[in-house]
C-alpha atoms as a PDB file:
ATOM      1  CA  UNK A   1       3.225   2.668 -17.419  1.00  0.00           C
ATOM      2  CA  UNK A   2       4.706   1.025 -14.284  1.00  0.00           C
ATOM      3  CA  UNK A   3       3.382   1.944 -10.856  1.00  0.00           C
ATOM      4  CA  UNK A   4       5.360   4.686  -9.167  1.00  0.00           C
ATOM      5  CA  UNK A   5       7.097   3.517  -6.030  1.00  0.00           C
ATOM      6  CA  UNK A   6       7.160   5.866  -3.044  1.00  0.00           C
ATOM      7  CA  UNK A   7      10.449   7.628  -2.446  1.00  0.00           C
ATOM      8  CA  UNK A   8      12.548   6.272   0.410  1.00  0.00           C
ATOM      9  CA  UNK A   9      12.027   8.115   3.700  1.00  0.00           C
ATOM     10  CA  UNK A  10      15.570   9.504   3.616  1.00  0.00           C
ATOM     11  CA  UNK A  11      14.962  11.026   0.193  1.00  0.00           C
ATOM     12  CA  UNK A  12      11.767  12.717   1.400  1.00  0.00           C
ATOM     13  CA  UNK A  13      13.565  13.989   4.513  1.00  0.00           C
ATOM     14  CA  UNK A  14      16.350  15.484   2.416  1.00  0.00           C
ATOM     15  CA  UNK A  15      13.875  17.183   0.087  1.00  0.00           C
ATOM     16  CA  UNK A  16      11.932  18.542   3.064  1.00  0.00           C
ATOM     17  CA  UNK A  17      15.101  19.816   4.735  1.00  0.00           C
ATOM     18  CA  UNK A  18      16.149  21.547   1.495  1.00  0.00           C
ATOM     19  CA  UNK A  19      12.738  23.234   1.192  1.00  0.00           C
ATOM     20  CA  UNK A  20      12.844  24.384   4.807  1.00  0.00           C
ATOM     21  CA  UNK A  21      16.457  25.561   4.407  1.00  0.00           C
ATOM     22  CA  UNK A  22      15.309  27.781   1.548  1.00  0.00           C
ATOM     23  CA  UNK A  23      12.445  29.106   3.664  1.00  0.00           C
ATOM     24  CA  UNK A  24      14.605  29.634   6.778  1.00  0.00           C
ATOM     25  CA  UNK A  25      17.737  31.003   5.127  1.00  0.00           C
ATOM     26  CA  UNK A  26      19.041  32.508   8.386  1.00  0.00           C
ATOM     27  CA  UNK A  27      19.224  29.024   9.956  1.00  0.00           C
ATOM     28  CA  UNK A  28      22.158  26.856   8.909  1.00  0.00           C
ATOM     29  CA  UNK A  29      21.271  23.928   6.637  1.00  0.00           C
ATOM     30  CA  UNK A  30      22.794  21.531   9.191  1.00  0.00           C
ATOM     31  CA  UNK A  31      20.470  22.865  11.893  1.00  0.00           C
ATOM     32  CA  UNK A  32      17.472  22.435   9.584  1.00  0.00           C
ATOM     33  CA  UNK A  33      18.474  18.838   8.768  1.00  0.00           C
ATOM     34  CA  UNK A  34      18.881  18.119  12.498  1.00  0.00           C
ATOM     35  CA  UNK A  35      15.489  19.674  13.195  1.00  0.00           C
ATOM     36  CA  UNK A  36      13.768  17.465  10.607  1.00  0.00           C
ATOM     37  CA  UNK A  37      15.526  14.349  11.937  1.00  0.00           C
ATOM     38  CA  UNK A  38      14.668  15.270  15.538  1.00  0.00           C
ATOM     39  CA  UNK A  39      11.002  15.807  14.687  1.00  0.00           C
ATOM     40  CA  UNK A  40      10.843  12.420  12.949  1.00  0.00           C
ATOM     41  CA  UNK A  41      12.500  10.719  15.926  1.00  0.00           C
ATOM     42  CA  UNK A  42      10.206  12.423  18.453  1.00  0.00           C
ATOM     43  CA  UNK A  43       7.089  11.501  16.512  1.00  0.00           C
ATOM     44  CA  UNK A  44       8.174   7.868  16.247  1.00  0.00           C
ATOM     45  CA  UNK A  45       9.072   7.796  19.946  1.00  0.00           C
ATOM     46  CA  UNK A  46       5.605   9.092  20.814  1.00  0.00           C
ATOM     47  CA  UNK A  47       3.954   6.466  18.624  1.00  0.00           C
ATOM     48  CA  UNK A  48       2.851   8.919  15.937  1.00  0.00           C
ATOM     49  CA  UNK A  49       3.353   8.140  12.279  1.00  0.00           C
ATOM     50  CA  UNK A  50       5.925  10.661  10.998  1.00  0.00           C
ATOM     51  CA  UNK A  51       4.196  11.425   7.709  1.00  0.00           C
ATOM     52  CA  UNK A  52       5.880  14.064   5.536  1.00  0.00           C
ATOM     53  CA  UNK A  53       3.104  16.665   6.071  1.00  0.00           C
ATOM     54  CA  UNK A  54       3.201  16.198   9.860  1.00  0.00           C
ATOM     55  CA  UNK A  55       6.984  16.378   9.996  1.00  0.00           C
ATOM     56  CA  UNK A  56       6.973  19.485   7.816  1.00  0.00           C
ATOM     57  CA  UNK A  57       4.405  21.262   9.999  1.00  0.00           C
ATOM     58  CA  UNK A  58       6.206  20.432  13.241  1.00  0.00           C
ATOM     59  CA  UNK A  59       9.666  21.276  11.889  1.00  0.00           C
ATOM     60  CA  UNK A  60       8.401  24.577  10.481  1.00  0.00           C
ATOM     61  CA  UNK A  61       6.846  25.469  13.854  1.00  0.00           C
ATOM     62  CA  UNK A  62      10.070  24.576  15.653  1.00  0.00           C
ATOM     63  CA  UNK A  63      12.227  26.622  13.263  1.00  0.00           C
ATOM     64  CA  UNK A  64       9.856  29.581  13.540  1.00  0.00           C
ATOM     65  CA  UNK A  65      10.098  29.352  17.326  1.00  0.00           C
ATOM     66  CA  UNK A  66      13.890  29.283  17.138  1.00  0.00           C
ATOM     67  CA  UNK A  67      13.900  32.512  15.139  1.00  0.00           C
ATOM     68  CA  UNK A  68      11.323  34.286  17.286  1.00  0.00           C
ATOM     69  CA  UNK A  69      12.912  33.304  20.608  1.00  0.00           C
ATOM     70  CA  UNK A  70      16.210  35.023  19.903  1.00  0.00           C
ATOM     71  CA  UNK A  71      16.372  38.814  20.306  1.00  0.00           C
ATOM     72  CA  UNK A  72      17.452  40.642  17.120  1.00  0.00           C
ATOM     73  CA  UNK A  73      20.476  42.107  18.928  1.00  0.00           C
ATOM     74  CA  UNK A  74      21.647  38.591  19.821  1.00  0.00           C
ATOM     75  CA  UNK A  75      21.564  37.157  16.317  1.00  0.00           C
ATOM     76  CA  UNK A  76      24.900  36.407  14.793  1.00  0.00           C
ATOM     77  CA  UNK A  77      25.478  37.437  11.162  1.00  0.00           C
ATOM     78  CA  UNK A  78      25.666  33.740  10.166  1.00  0.00           C
ATOM     79  CA  UNK A  79      22.212  32.927  11.529  1.00  0.00           C
ATOM     80  CA  UNK A  80      20.972  30.902  14.468  1.00  0.00           C
ATOM     81  CA  UNK A  81      23.560  28.151  14.286  1.00  0.00           C
ATOM     82  CA  UNK A  82      26.522  29.804  12.729  1.00  0.00           C
END
């Protein structure tokens, strides 16, 4: 059986964004994808290795904060971004 090659970073990012989009259904998928990309960029900029578990934790915290920071009366029917 041949050795399994790691998935390209973009593939992992897309899978992570899809998982988080399912978890945060009230946030638009585009906003979730941007969040994941922003977290990866920030981590790299700060000299941290953007491993999938780290990116997932930080993106999840950021998305949770987005939802909690908006008053229920201010939420649009389409979610945070739409």
